[in-house]
Amino acid sequence: KQWYQRRVRGIKNMEKQANLHTIKLSDADYVRTLENCIQFGTPVLLEDVGEDLDPLLEPILLKQTFKQGGAICIRLGDSTIEYSRDFRFYITTKLRNPHYLPETAVKVTLLNFM
């Protein structure tokens, strides 16, 4: 798992100055953290995902933003929040050879660091 730890450390170092937030889908407050980071333009690292992603992430992966009252917004679940153009989203997995559905693969840029 050293390859995984090196890549995560690389992302953390790259985004250290921007106050990177690290979350997991199992975190009780991951949605609130994600909403805050989207609003304030803080980068997020979502760690240890499996092959199935939470449907709540769909609008983020597709960048489904819209204008509302002069602000750029995005809908997450039942919430509409402002979307900062500075927001960056990283997702990592410990799976050595993940098989994502084509519907997921077209929404993201997959990098294999093996």
PDB file of N, CA and C in Angstrom:
ATOM      1  N   LYS A   1       0.817  -1.206   0.000  1.00  0.00           N
ATOM      2  CA  LYS A   1       0.000   0.000   0.000  1.00  0.00           C
ATOM      3  C   LYS A   1       0.860   1.270   0.000  1.00  0.00           C
ATOM      4  N   GLN A   2       2.167   1.114  -0.146  1.00  0.00           N
ATOM      5  CA  GLN A   2       3.026   2.293  -0.160  1.00  0.00           C
ATOM      6  C   GLN A   2       2.700   3.215  -1.327  1.00  0.00           C
ATOM      7  N   TRP A   3       2.376   2.623  -2.483  1.00  0.00           N
ATOM      8  CA  TRP A   3       2.047   3.434  -3.654  1.00  0.00           C
ATOM      9  C   TRP A   3       0.854   4.336  -3.350  1.00  0.00           C
ATOM     10  N   TYR A   4      -0.130   3.808  -2.620  1.00  0.00           N
ATOM     11  CA  TYR A   4      -1.319   4.583  -2.270  1.00  0.00           C
ATOM     12  C   TYR A   4      -0.951   5.725  -1.327  1.00  0.00           C
ATOM     13  N   GLN A   5      -0.181   5.412  -0.300  1.00  0.00           N
ATOM     14  CA  GLN A   5       0.201   6.425   0.678  1.00  0.00           C
ATOM     15  C   GLN A   5       1.026   7.538   0.048  1.00  0.00           C
ATOM     16  N   ARG A   6       1.908   7.178  -0.900  1.00  0.00           N
ATOM     17  CA  ARG A   6       2.715   8.199  -1.595  1.00  0.00           C
ATOM     18  C   ARG A   6       1.826   9.142  -2.395  1.00  0.00           C
ATOM     19  N   ARG A   7       0.829   8.610  -3.081  1.00  0.00           N
ATOM     20  CA  ARG A   7      -0.054   9.442  -3.912  1.00  0.00           C
ATOM     21  C   ARG A   7      -0.907  10.365  -3.055  1.00  0.00           C
ATOM     22  N   VAL A   8      -1.423   9.822  -1.961  1.00  0.00           N
ATOM     23  CA  VAL A   8      -2.227  10.645  -1.059  1.00  0.00           C
ATOM     24  C   VAL A   8      -1.353  11.746  -0.459  1.00  0.00           C
ATOM     25  N   ARG A   9      -0.142  11.393  -0.043  1.00  0.00           N
ATOM     26  CA  ARG A   9       0.786  12.381   0.508  1.00  0.00           C
ATOM     27  C   ARG A   9       1.099  13.459  -0.535  1.00  0.00           C
ATOM     28  N   GLY A  10       1.232  13.054  -1.800  1.00  0.00           N
ATOM     29  CA  GLY A  10       1.492  14.018  -2.871  1.00  0.00           C
ATOM     30  C   GLY A  10       0.353  15.015  -3.036  1.00  0.00           C
ATOM     31  N   ILE A  11      -0.881  14.527  -2.988  1.00  0.00           N
ATOM     32  CA  ILE A  11      -2.040  15.421  -3.082  1.00  0.00           C
ATOM     33  C   ILE A  11      -2.071  16.358  -1.883  1.00  0.00           C
ATOM     34  N   LYS A  12      -1.839  15.809  -0.699  1.00  0.00           N
ATOM     35  CA  LYS A  12      -1.865  16.628   0.513  1.00  0.00           C
ATOM     36  C   LYS A  12      -0.789  17.706   0.480  1.00  0.00           C
ATOM     37  N   ASN A  13       0.404  17.367   0.003  1.00  0.00           N
ATOM     38  CA  ASN A  13       1.473  18.364  -0.103  1.00  0.00           C
ATOM     39  C   ASN A  13       1.133  19.427  -1.136  1.00  0.00           C
ATOM     40  N   MET A  14       0.575  19.007  -2.256  1.00  0.00           N
ATOM     41  CA  MET A  14       0.234  19.938  -3.336  1.00  0.00           C
ATOM     42  C   MET A  14      -0.814  20.950  -2.874  1.00  0.00           C
ATOM     43  N   GLU A  15      -1.749  20.521  -2.036  1.00  0.00           N
ATOM     44  CA  GLU A  15      -2.861  21.377  -1.621  1.00  0.00           C
ATOM     45  C   GLU A  15      -2.725  21.896  -0.189  1.00  0.00           C
ATOM     46  N   LYS A  16      -1.555  21.711   0.419  1.00  0.00           N
ATOM     47  CA  LYS A  16      -1.361  22.118   1.808  1.00  0.00           C
ATOM     48  C   LYS A  16      -1.656  23.605   2.019  1.00  0.00           C
ATOM     49  N   GLN A  17      -1.165  24.441   1.136  1.00  0.00           N
ATOM     50  CA  GLN A  17      -1.360  25.890   1.274  1.00  0.00           C
ATOM     51  C   GLN A  17      -2.833  26.278   1.156  1.00  0.00           C
ATOM     52  N   ALA A  18      -3.619  25.463   0.461  1.00  0.00           N
ATOM     53  CA  ALA A  18      -5.037  25.768   0.241  1.00  0.00           C
ATOM     54  C   ALA A  18      -5.933  25.159   1.318  1.00  0.00           C
ATOM     55  N   ASN A  19      -5.345  24.606   2.385  1.00  0.00           N
ATOM     56  CA  ASN A  19      -6.109  24.059   3.505  1.00  0.00           C
ATOM     57  C   ASN A  19      -6.986  22.868   3.098  1.00  0.00           C
ATOM     58  N   LEU A  20      -6.370  21.885   2.462  1.00  0.00           N
ATOM     59  CA  LEU A  20      -7.066  20.680   2.016  1.00  0.00           C
ATOM     60  C   LEU A  20      -7.825  20.006   3.154  1.00  0.00           C
ATOM     61  N   HIS A  21      -9.087  19.641   2.887  1.00  0.00           N
ATOM     62  CA  HIS A  21      -9.886  18.862   3.839  1.00  0.00           C
ATOM     63  C   HIS A  21      -9.937  17.424   3.342  1.00  0.00           C
ATOM     64  N   THR A  22      -9.724  16.491   4.252  1.00  0.00           N
ATOM     65  CA  THR A  22      -9.772  15.071   3.924  1.00  0.00           C
ATOM     66  C   THR A  22     -11.018  14.465   4.554  1.00  0.00           C
ATOM     67  N   ILE A  23     -11.804  13.755   3.726  1.00  0.00           N
ATOM     68  CA  ILE A  23     -13.037  13.140   4.218  1.00  0.00           C
ATOM     69  C   ILE A  23     -13.134  11.698   3.721  1.00  0.00           C
ATOM     70  N   LYS A  24     -14.014  10.942   4.351  1.00  0.00           N
ATOM     71  CA  LYS A  24     -14.361   9.593   3.910  1.00  0.00           C
ATOM     72  C   LYS A  24     -15.875   9.504   3.875  1.00  0.00           C
ATOM     73  N   LEU A  25     -16.405   8.643   3.018  1.00  0.00           N
ATOM     74  CA  LEU A  25     -17.854   8.485   2.929  1.00  0.00           C
ATOM     75  C   LEU A  25     -18.444   8.006   4.252  1.00  0.00           C
ATOM     76  N   SER A  26     -17.633   7.375   5.082  1.00  0.00           N
ATOM     77  CA  SER A  26     -18.102   6.876   6.374  1.00  0.00           C
ATOM     78  C   SER A  26     -18.151   7.959   7.451  1.00  0.00           C
ATOM     79  N   ASP A  27     -17.577   9.133   7.186  1.00  0.00           N
ATOM     80  CA  ASP A  27     -17.612  10.229   8.162  1.00  0.00           C
ATOM     81  C   ASP A  27     -19.043  10.729   8.330  1.00  0.00           C
ATOM     82  N   ALA A  28     -19.466  10.915   9.576  1.00  0.00           N
ATOM     83  CA  ALA A  28     -20.828  11.366   9.841  1.00  0.00           C
ATOM     84  C   ALA A  28     -21.106  12.746   9.247  1.00  0.00           C
ATOM     85  N   ASP A  29     -20.089  13.607   9.194  1.00  0.00           N
ATOM     86  CA  ASP A  29     -20.295  14.984   8.727  1.00  0.00           C
ATOM     87  C   ASP A  29     -19.696  15.245   7.346  1.00  0.00           C
ATOM     88  N   TYR A  30     -19.498  14.202   6.546  1.00  0.00           N
ATOM     89  CA  TYR A  30     -18.805  14.418   5.274  1.00  0.00           C
ATOM     90  C   TYR A  30     -19.588  15.337   4.335  1.00  0.00           C
ATOM     91  N   VAL A  31     -20.920  15.281   4.377  1.00  0.00           N
ATOM     92  CA  VAL A  31     -21.719  16.131   3.485  1.00  0.00           C
ATOM     93  C   VAL A  31     -21.558  17.598   3.881  1.00  0.00           C
ATOM     94  N   ARG A  32     -21.608  17.873   5.167  1.00  0.00           N
ATOM     95  CA  ARG A  32     -21.451  19.261   5.623  1.00  0.00           C
ATOM     96  C   ARG A  32     -20.063  19.789   5.275  1.00  0.00           C
ATOM     97  N   THR A  33     -19.036  18.979   5.487  1.00  0.00           N
ATOM     98  CA  THR A  33     -17.673  19.385   5.128  1.00  0.00           C
ATOM     99  C   THR A  33     -17.579  19.673   3.639  1.00  0.00           C
ATOM    100  N   LEU A  34     -18.153  18.805   2.832  1.00  0.00           N
ATOM    101  CA  LEU A  34     -18.142  18.976   1.380  1.00  0.00           C
ATOM    102  C   LEU A  34     -18.860  20.266   0.982  1.00  0.00           C
ATOM    103  N   GLU A  35     -20.025  20.521   1.561  1.00  0.00           N
ATOM    104  CA  GLU A  35     -20.774  21.751   1.255  1.00  0.00           C
ATOM    105  C   GLU A  35     -19.960  22.990   1.595  1.00  0.00           C
ATOM    106  N   ASN A  36     -19.339  23.000   2.771  1.00  0.00           N
ATOM    107  CA  ASN A  36     -18.530  24.153   3.175  1.00  0.00           C
ATOM    108  C   ASN A  36     -17.358  24.377   2.224  1.00  0.00           C
ATOM    109  N   CYS A  37     -16.694  23.291   1.840  1.00  0.00           N
ATOM    110  CA  CYS A  37     -15.544  23.411   0.944  1.00  0.00           C
ATOM    111  C   CYS A  37     -15.968  23.916  -0.432  1.00  0.00           C
ATOM    112  N   ILE A  38     -17.110  23.465  -0.917  1.00  0.00           N
ATOM    113  CA  ILE A  38     -17.619  23.936  -2.210  1.00  0.00           C
ATOM    114  C   ILE A  38     -17.898  25.435  -2.144  1.00  0.00           C
ATOM    115  N   GLN A  39     -18.511  25.883  -1.065  1.00  0.00           N
ATOM    116  CA  GLN A  39     -18.853  27.300  -0.922  1.00  0.00           C
ATOM    117  C   GLN A  39     -17.623  28.191  -0.802  1.00  0.00           C
ATOM    118  N   PHE A  40     -16.622  27.723  -0.055  1.00  0.00           N
ATOM    119  CA  PHE A  40     -15.467  28.571   0.235  1.00  0.00           C
ATOM    120  C   PHE A  40     -14.258  28.289  -0.656  1.00  0.00           C
ATOM    121  N   GLY A  41     -14.400  27.364  -1.615  1.00  0.00           N
ATOM    122  CA  GLY A  41     -13.321  27.106  -2.561  1.00  0.00           C
ATOM    123  C   GLY A  41     -12.147  26.366  -1.968  1.00  0.00           C
ATOM    124  N   THR A  42     -12.406  25.532  -0.979  1.00  0.00           N
ATOM    125  CA  THR A  42     -11.365  24.754  -0.331  1.00  0.00           C
ATOM    126  C   THR A  42     -11.290  23.375  -0.979  1.00  0.00           C
ATOM    127  N   PRO A  43     -10.107  22.883  -1.303  1.00  0.00           N
ATOM    128  CA  PRO A  43     -10.008  21.556  -1.920  1.00  0.00           C
ATOM    129  C   PRO A  43     -10.376  20.435  -0.948  1.00  0.00           C
ATOM    130  N   VAL A  44     -10.922  19.354  -1.506  1.00  0.00           N
ATOM    131  CA  VAL A  44     -11.345  18.196  -0.721  1.00  0.00           C
ATOM    132  C   VAL A  44     -10.720  16.940  -1.295  1.00  0.00           C
ATOM    133  N   LEU A  45     -10.244  16.082  -0.409  1.00  0.00           N
ATOM    134  CA  LEU A  45      -9.757  14.758  -0.778  1.00  0.00           C
ATOM    135  C   LEU A  45     -10.709  13.744  -0.161  1.00  0.00           C
ATOM    136  N   LEU A  46     -11.430  13.021  -1.008  1.00  0.00           N
ATOM    137  CA  LEU A  46     -12.311  11.945  -0.564  1.00  0.00           C
ATOM    138  C   LEU A  46     -11.505  10.660  -0.666  1.00  0.00           C
ATOM    139  N   GLU A  47     -11.202  10.060   0.482  1.00  0.00           N
ATOM    140  CA  GLU A  47     -10.311   8.903   0.527  1.00  0.00           C
ATOM    141  C   GLU A  47     -11.063   7.581   0.593  1.00  0.00           C
ATOM    142  N   ASP A  48     -10.395   6.554   0.105  1.00  0.00           N
ATOM    143  CA  ASP A  48     -10.797   5.155   0.288  1.00  0.00           C
ATOM    144  C   ASP A  48     -12.174   4.809  -0.281  1.00  0.00           C
ATOM    145  N   VAL A  49     -12.514   5.326  -1.452  1.00  0.00           N
ATOM    146  CA  VAL A  49     -13.810   4.963  -2.032  1.00  0.00           C
ATOM    147  C   VAL A  49     -13.727   3.569  -2.646  1.00  0.00           C
ATOM    148  N   GLY A  50     -14.871   2.935  -2.763  1.00  0.00           N
ATOM    149  CA  GLY A  50     -14.955   1.641  -3.427  1.00  0.00           C
ATOM    150  C   GLY A  50     -15.308   1.864  -4.893  1.00  0.00           C
ATOM    151  N   GLU A  51     -15.949   0.896  -5.488  1.00  0.00           N
ATOM    152  CA  GLU A  51     -16.331   1.013  -6.892  1.00  0.00           C
ATOM    153  C   GLU A  51     -17.672   1.706  -7.063  1.00  0.00           C
ATOM    154  N   ASP A  52     -18.431   1.837  -5.985  1.00  0.00           N
ATOM    155  CA  ASP A  52     -19.711   2.546  -6.036  1.00  0.00           C
ATOM    156  C   ASP A  52     -19.568   3.871  -5.312  1.00  0.00           C
ATOM    157  N   LEU A  53     -19.969   4.944  -5.991  1.00  0.00           N
ATOM    158  CA  LEU A  53     -19.897   6.269  -5.388  1.00  0.00           C
ATOM    159  C   LEU A  53     -21.279   6.693  -4.914  1.00  0.00           C
ATOM    160  N   ASP A  54     -21.316   7.524  -3.892  1.00  0.00           N
ATOM    161  CA  ASP A  54     -22.566   8.058  -3.368  1.00  0.00           C
ATOM    162  C   ASP A  54     -23.237   8.899  -4.458  1.00  0.00           C
ATOM    163  N   PRO A  55     -24.515   8.662  -4.758  1.00  0.00           N
ATOM    164  CA  PRO A  55     -25.225   9.457  -5.770  1.00  0.00           C
ATOM    165  C   PRO A  55     -25.228  10.956  -5.468  1.00  0.00           C
ATOM    166  N   LEU A  56     -25.040  11.325  -4.201  1.00  0.00           N
ATOM    167  CA  LEU A  56     -24.982  12.736  -3.831  1.00  0.00           C
ATOM    168  C   LEU A  56     -23.838  13.459  -4.550  1.00  0.00           C
ATOM    169  N   LEU A  57     -22.784  12.709  -4.921  1.00  0.00           N
ATOM    170  CA  LEU A  57     -21.612  13.312  -5.571  1.00  0.00           C
ATOM    171  C   LEU A  57     -21.848  13.631  -7.047  1.00  0.00           C
ATOM    172  N   GLU A  58     -22.894  13.072  -7.616  1.00  0.00           N
ATOM    173  CA  GLU A  58     -23.170  13.222  -9.047  1.00  0.00           C
ATOM    174  C   GLU A  58     -23.114  14.671  -9.552  1.00  0.00           C
ATOM    175  N   PRO A  59     -23.817  15.616  -8.911  1.00  0.00           N
ATOM    176  CA  PRO A  59     -23.756  16.999  -9.409  1.00  0.00           C
ATOM    177  C   PRO A  59     -22.347  17.591  -9.384  1.00  0.00           C
ATOM    178  N   ILE A  60     -21.530  17.152  -8.425  1.00  0.00           N
ATOM    179  CA  ILE A  60     -20.153  17.648  -8.350  1.00  0.00           C
ATOM    180  C   ILE A  60     -19.342  17.071  -9.497  1.00  0.00           C
ATOM    181  N   LEU A  61     -19.460  15.771  -9.706  1.00  0.00           N
ATOM    182  CA  LEU A  61     -18.690  15.114 -10.768  1.00  0.00           C
ATOM    183  C   LEU A  61     -19.059  15.656 -12.150  1.00  0.00           C
ATOM    184  N   LEU A  62     -20.317  16.017 -12.327  1.00  0.00           N
ATOM    185  CA  LEU A  62     -20.778  16.553 -13.610  1.00  0.00           C
ATOM    186  C   LEU A  62     -20.677  18.074 -13.684  1.00  0.00           C
ATOM    187  N   LYS A  63     -20.257  18.693 -12.592  1.00  0.00           N
ATOM    188  CA  LYS A  63     -20.197  20.160 -12.486  1.00  0.00           C
ATOM    189  C   LYS A  63     -21.510  20.784 -12.935  1.00  0.00           C
ATOM    190  N   GLN A  64     -22.596  20.308 -12.333  1.00  0.00           N
ATOM    191  CA  GLN A  64     -23.926  20.789 -12.681  1.00  0.00           C
ATOM    192  C   GLN A  64     -24.223  22.094 -11.945  1.00  0.00           C
ATOM    193  N   THR A  65     -23.527  23.139 -12.343  1.00  0.00           N
ATOM    194  CA  THR A  65     -23.709  24.444 -11.723  1.00  0.00           C
ATOM    195  C   THR A  65     -24.735  25.243 -12.512  1.00  0.00           C
ATOM    196  N   PHE A  66     -25.318  26.218 -11.841  1.00  0.00           N
ATOM    197  CA  PHE A  66     -26.297  27.097 -12.479  1.00  0.00           C
ATOM    198  C   PHE A  66     -26.249  28.446 -11.777  1.00  0.00           C
ATOM    199  N   LYS A  67     -26.772  29.465 -12.453  1.00  0.00           N
ATOM    200  CA  LYS A  67     -26.796  30.798 -11.852  1.00  0.00           C
ATOM    201  C   LYS A  67     -28.110  31.001 -11.126  1.00  0.00           C
ATOM    202  N   GLN A  68     -27.984  31.574  -9.946  1.00  0.00           N
ATOM    203  CA  GLN A  68     -29.166  31.891  -9.148  1.00  0.00           C
ATOM    204  C   GLN A  68     -28.886  33.202  -8.427  1.00  0.00           C
ATOM    205  N   GLY A  69     -29.647  34.215  -8.771  1.00  0.00           N
ATOM    206  CA  GLY A  69     -29.441  35.517  -8.131  1.00  0.00           C
ATOM    207  C   GLY A  69     -28.051  36.074  -8.348  1.00  0.00           C
ATOM    208  N   GLY A  70     -27.454  35.821  -9.494  1.00  0.00           N
ATOM    209  CA  GLY A  70     -26.123  36.329  -9.808  1.00  0.00           C
ATOM    210  C   GLY A  70     -24.982  35.485  -9.277  1.00  0.00           C
ATOM    211  N   ALA A  71     -25.281  34.469  -8.501  1.00  0.00           N
ATOM    212  CA  ALA A  71     -24.239  33.596  -7.947  1.00  0.00           C
ATOM    213  C   ALA A  71     -24.255  32.254  -8.675  1.00  0.00           C
ATOM    214  N   ILE A  72     -23.096  31.627  -8.742  1.00  0.00           N
ATOM    215  CA  ILE A  72     -23.016  30.273  -9.302  1.00  0.00           C
ATOM    216  C   ILE A  72     -23.343  29.308  -8.166  1.00  0.00           C
ATOM    217  N   CYS A  73     -24.285  28.401  -8.416  1.00  0.00           N
ATOM    218  CA  CYS A  73     -24.748  27.478  -7.380  1.00  0.00           C
ATOM    219  C   CYS A  73     -24.711  26.045  -7.880  1.00  0.00           C
ATOM    220  N   ILE A  74     -24.840  25.116  -6.945  1.00  0.00           N
ATOM    221  CA  ILE A  74     -24.944  23.694  -7.254  1.00  0.00           C
ATOM    222  C   ILE A  74     -25.926  23.092  -6.254  1.00  0.00           C
ATOM    223  N   ARG A  75     -26.630  22.082  -6.698  1.00  0.00           N
ATOM    224  CA  ARG A  75     -27.564  21.382  -5.813  1.00  0.00           C
ATOM    225  C   ARG A  75     -26.944  20.090  -5.313  1.00  0.00           C
ATOM    226  N   LEU A  76     -26.911  19.946  -3.986  1.00  0.00           N
ATOM    227  CA  LEU A  76     -26.431  18.712  -3.353  1.00  0.00           C
ATOM    228  C   LEU A  76     -27.568  18.171  -2.512  1.00  0.00           C
ATOM    229  N   GLY A  77     -28.163  17.088  -2.934  1.00  0.00           N
ATOM    230  CA  GLY A  77     -29.311  16.552  -2.198  1.00  0.00           C
ATOM    231  C   GLY A  77     -30.432  17.574  -2.213  1.00  0.00           C
ATOM    232  N   ASP A  78     -30.886  17.959  -1.032  1.00  0.00           N
ATOM    233  CA  ASP A  78     -31.970  18.940  -0.911  1.00  0.00           C
ATOM    234  C   ASP A  78     -31.452  20.370  -0.780  1.00  0.00           C
ATOM    235  N   SER A  79     -30.155  20.548  -0.758  1.00  0.00           N
ATOM    236  CA  SER A  79     -29.565  21.872  -0.536  1.00  0.00           C
ATOM    237  C   SER A  79     -29.075  22.501  -1.833  1.00  0.00           C
ATOM    238  N   THR A  80     -29.286  23.797  -1.950  1.00  0.00           N
ATOM    239  CA  THR A  80     -28.675  24.584  -3.016  1.00  0.00           C
ATOM    240  C   THR A  80     -27.628  25.455  -2.349  1.00  0.00           C
ATOM    241  N   ILE A  81     -26.380  25.336  -2.808  1.00  0.00           N
ATOM    242  CA  ILE A  81     -25.288  26.091  -2.193  1.00  0.00           C
ATOM    243  C   ILE A  81     -24.499  26.827  -3.265  1.00  0.00           C
ATOM    244  N   GLU A  82     -23.839  27.902  -2.846  1.00  0.00           N
ATOM    245  CA  GLU A  82     -22.979  28.624  -3.784  1.00  0.00           C
ATOM    246  C   GLU A  82     -21.773  27.762  -4.113  1.00  0.00           C
ATOM    247  N   TYR A  83     -21.323  27.872  -5.360  1.00  0.00           N
ATOM    248  CA  TYR A  83     -20.202  27.070  -5.855  1.00  0.00           C
ATOM    249  C   TYR A  83     -19.032  27.989  -6.168  1.00  0.00           C
ATOM    250  N   SER A  84     -17.943  27.806  -5.456  1.00  0.00           N
ATOM    251  CA  SER A  84     -16.732  28.591  -5.709  1.00  0.00           C
ATOM    252  C   SER A  84     -15.942  27.954  -6.847  1.00  0.00           C
ATOM    253  N   ARG A  85     -15.491  28.780  -7.750  1.00  0.00           N
ATOM    254  CA  ARG A  85     -14.679  28.279  -8.865  1.00  0.00           C
ATOM    255  C   ARG A  85     -13.322  27.747  -8.392  1.00  0.00           C
ATOM    256  N   ASP A  86     -12.935  28.079  -7.173  1.00  0.00           N
ATOM    257  CA  ASP A  86     -11.656  27.612  -6.631  1.00  0.00           C
ATOM    258  C   ASP A  86     -11.744  26.198  -6.059  1.00  0.00           C
ATOM    259  N   PHE A  87     -12.952  25.656  -5.938  1.00  0.00           N
ATOM    260  CA  PHE A  87     -13.139  24.323  -5.370  1.00  0.00           C
ATOM    261  C   PHE A  87     -12.473  23.258  -6.248  1.00  0.00           C
ATOM    262  N   ARG A  88     -11.747  22.334  -5.604  1.00  0.00           N
ATOM    263  CA  ARG A  88     -11.135  21.194  -6.298  1.00  0.00           C
ATOM    264  C   ARG A  88     -11.483  19.932  -5.528  1.00  0.00           C
ATOM    265  N   PHE A  89     -11.711  18.832  -6.260  1.00  0.00           N
ATOM    266  CA  PHE A  89     -12.189  17.596  -5.650  1.00  0.00           C
ATOM    267  C   PHE A  89     -11.325  16.434  -6.112  1.00  0.00           C
ATOM    268  N   TYR A  90     -10.728  15.726  -5.156  1.00  0.00           N
ATOM    269  CA  TYR A  90      -9.888  14.567  -5.435  1.00  0.00           C
ATOM    270  C   TYR A  90     -10.540  13.347  -4.786  1.00  0.00           C
ATOM    271  N   ILE A  91     -10.509  12.226  -5.480  1.00  0.00           N
ATOM    272  CA  ILE A  91     -11.043  10.980  -4.948  1.00  0.00           C
ATOM    273  C   ILE A  91      -9.961   9.915  -5.084  1.00  0.00           C
ATOM    274  N   THR A  92      -9.714   9.175  -4.000  1.00  0.00           N
ATOM    275  CA  THR A  92      -8.729   8.102  -4.068  1.00  0.00           C
ATOM    276  C   THR A  92      -9.360   6.775  -3.645  1.00  0.00           C
ATOM    277  N   THR A  93      -8.782   5.699  -4.127  1.00  0.00           N
ATOM    278  CA  THR A  93      -9.199   4.363  -3.740  1.00  0.00           C
ATOM    279  C   THR A  93      -7.971   3.517  -3.446  1.00  0.00           C
ATOM    280  N   LYS A  94      -8.135   2.555  -2.543  1.00  0.00           N
ATOM    281  CA  LYS A  94      -7.051   1.620  -2.267  1.00  0.00           C
ATOM    282  C   LYS A  94      -7.154   0.386  -3.147  1.00  0.00           C
ATOM    283  N   LEU A  95      -8.214   0.309  -3.946  1.00  0.00           N
ATOM    284  CA  LEU A  95      -8.382  -0.841  -4.833  1.00  0.00           C
ATOM    285  C   LEU A  95      -7.281  -0.831  -5.886  1.00  0.00           C
ATOM    286  N   ARG A  96      -6.640  -1.960  -6.079  1.00  0.00           N
ATOM    287  CA  ARG A  96      -5.521  -2.025  -7.023  1.00  0.00           C
ATOM    288  C   ARG A  96      -5.987  -1.940  -8.477  1.00  0.00           C
ATOM    289  N   ASN A  97      -7.133  -2.480  -8.776  1.00  0.00           N
ATOM    290  CA  ASN A  97      -7.618  -2.464 -10.158  1.00  0.00           C
ATOM    291  C   ASN A  97      -9.134  -2.251 -10.153  1.00  0.00           C
ATOM    292  N   PRO A  98      -9.576  -1.044  -9.798  1.00  0.00           N
ATOM    293  CA  PRO A  98     -11.018  -0.820  -9.685  1.00  0.00           C
ATOM    294  C   PRO A  98     -11.699  -0.860 -11.051  1.00  0.00           C
ATOM    295  N   HIS A  99     -12.927  -1.325 -11.049  1.00  0.00           N
ATOM    296  CA  HIS A  99     -13.731  -1.364 -12.271  1.00  0.00           C
ATOM    297  C   HIS A  99     -14.941  -0.470 -12.066  1.00  0.00           C
ATOM    298  N   TYR A 100     -14.838   0.746 -12.569  1.00  0.00           N
ATOM    299  CA  TYR A 100     -15.945   1.680 -12.443  1.00  0.00           C
ATOM    300  C   TYR A 100     -16.871   1.529 -13.641  1.00  0.00           C
ATOM    301  N   LEU A 101     -18.143   1.712 -13.377  1.00  0.00           N
ATOM    302  CA  LEU A 101     -19.119   1.656 -14.459  1.00  0.00           C
ATOM    303  C   LEU A 101     -18.811   2.758 -15.465  1.00  0.00           C
ATOM    304  N   PRO A 102     -19.108   2.530 -16.744  1.00  0.00           N
ATOM    305  CA  PRO A 102     -18.854   3.572 -17.752  1.00  0.00           C
ATOM    306  C   PRO A 102     -19.504   4.905 -17.389  1.00  0.00           C
ATOM    307  N   GLU A 103     -20.677   4.850 -16.746  1.00  0.00           N
ATOM    308  CA  GLU A 103     -21.358   6.095 -16.355  1.00  0.00           C
ATOM    309  C   GLU A 103     -20.526   6.902 -15.361  1.00  0.00           C
ATOM    310  N   THR A 104     -19.745   6.222 -14.543  1.00  0.00           N
ATOM    311  CA  THR A 104     -18.871   6.905 -13.592  1.00  0.00           C
ATOM    312  C   THR A 104     -17.587   7.351 -14.283  1.00  0.00           C
ATOM    313  N   ALA A 105     -17.017   6.489 -15.083  1.00  0.00           N
ATOM    314  CA  ALA A 105     -15.728   6.778 -15.721  1.00  0.00           C
ATOM    315  C   ALA A 105     -15.777   8.016 -16.610  1.00  0.00           C
ATOM    316  N   VAL A 106     -16.914   8.301 -17.229  1.00  0.00           N
ATOM    317  CA  VAL A 106     -16.998   9.465 -18.112  1.00  0.00           C
ATOM    318  C   VAL A 106     -17.116  10.779 -17.338  1.00  0.00           C
ATOM    319  N   LYS A 107     -17.364  10.709 -16.043  1.00  0.00           N
ATOM    320  CA  LYS A 107     -17.545  11.910 -15.231  1.00  0.00           C
ATOM    321  C   LYS A 107     -16.269  12.391 -14.563  1.00  0.00           C
ATOM    322  N   VAL A 108     -15.235  11.558 -14.578  1.00  0.00           N
ATOM    323  CA  VAL A 108     -14.007  11.876 -13.843  1.00  0.00           C
ATOM    324  C   VAL A 108     -12.787  11.627 -14.724  1.00  0.00           C
ATOM    325  N   THR A 109     -11.665  12.123 -14.271  1.00  0.00           N
ATOM    326  CA  THR A 109     -10.390  11.790 -14.888  1.00  0.00           C
ATOM    327  C   THR A 109      -9.737  10.731 -14.010  1.00  0.00           C
ATOM    328  N   LEU A 110      -9.549   9.534 -14.563  1.00  0.00           N
ATOM    329  CA  LEU A 110      -8.955   8.445 -13.799  1.00  0.00           C
ATOM    330  C   LEU A 110      -7.440   8.429 -14.022  1.00  0.00           C
ATOM    331  N   LEU A 111      -6.705   8.382 -12.920  1.00  0.00           N
ATOM    332  CA  LEU A 111      -5.248   8.274 -12.985  1.00  0.00           C
ATOM    333  C   LEU A 111      -4.841   6.997 -12.280  1.00  0.00           C
ATOM    334  N   ASN A 112      -4.050   6.191 -12.942  1.00  0.00           N
ATOM    335  CA  ASN A 112      -3.556   4.967 -12.344  1.00  0.00           C
ATOM    336  C   ASN A 112      -2.086   5.182 -11.996  1.00  0.00           C
ATOM    337  N   PHE A 113      -1.779   5.205 -10.712  1.00  0.00           N
ATOM    338  CA  PHE A 113      -0.423   5.482 -10.258  1.00  0.00           C
ATOM    339  C   PHE A 113       0.381   4.230 -10.011  1.00  0.00           C
ATOM    340  N   MET A 114      -0.025   3.120 -10.542  1.00  0.00           N
ATOM    341  CA  MET A 114       0.676   1.861 -10.340  1.00  0.00           C
ATOM    342  C   MET A 114       1.991   1.844 -11.094  1.00  0.00           C
TER     343      MET A 114
END
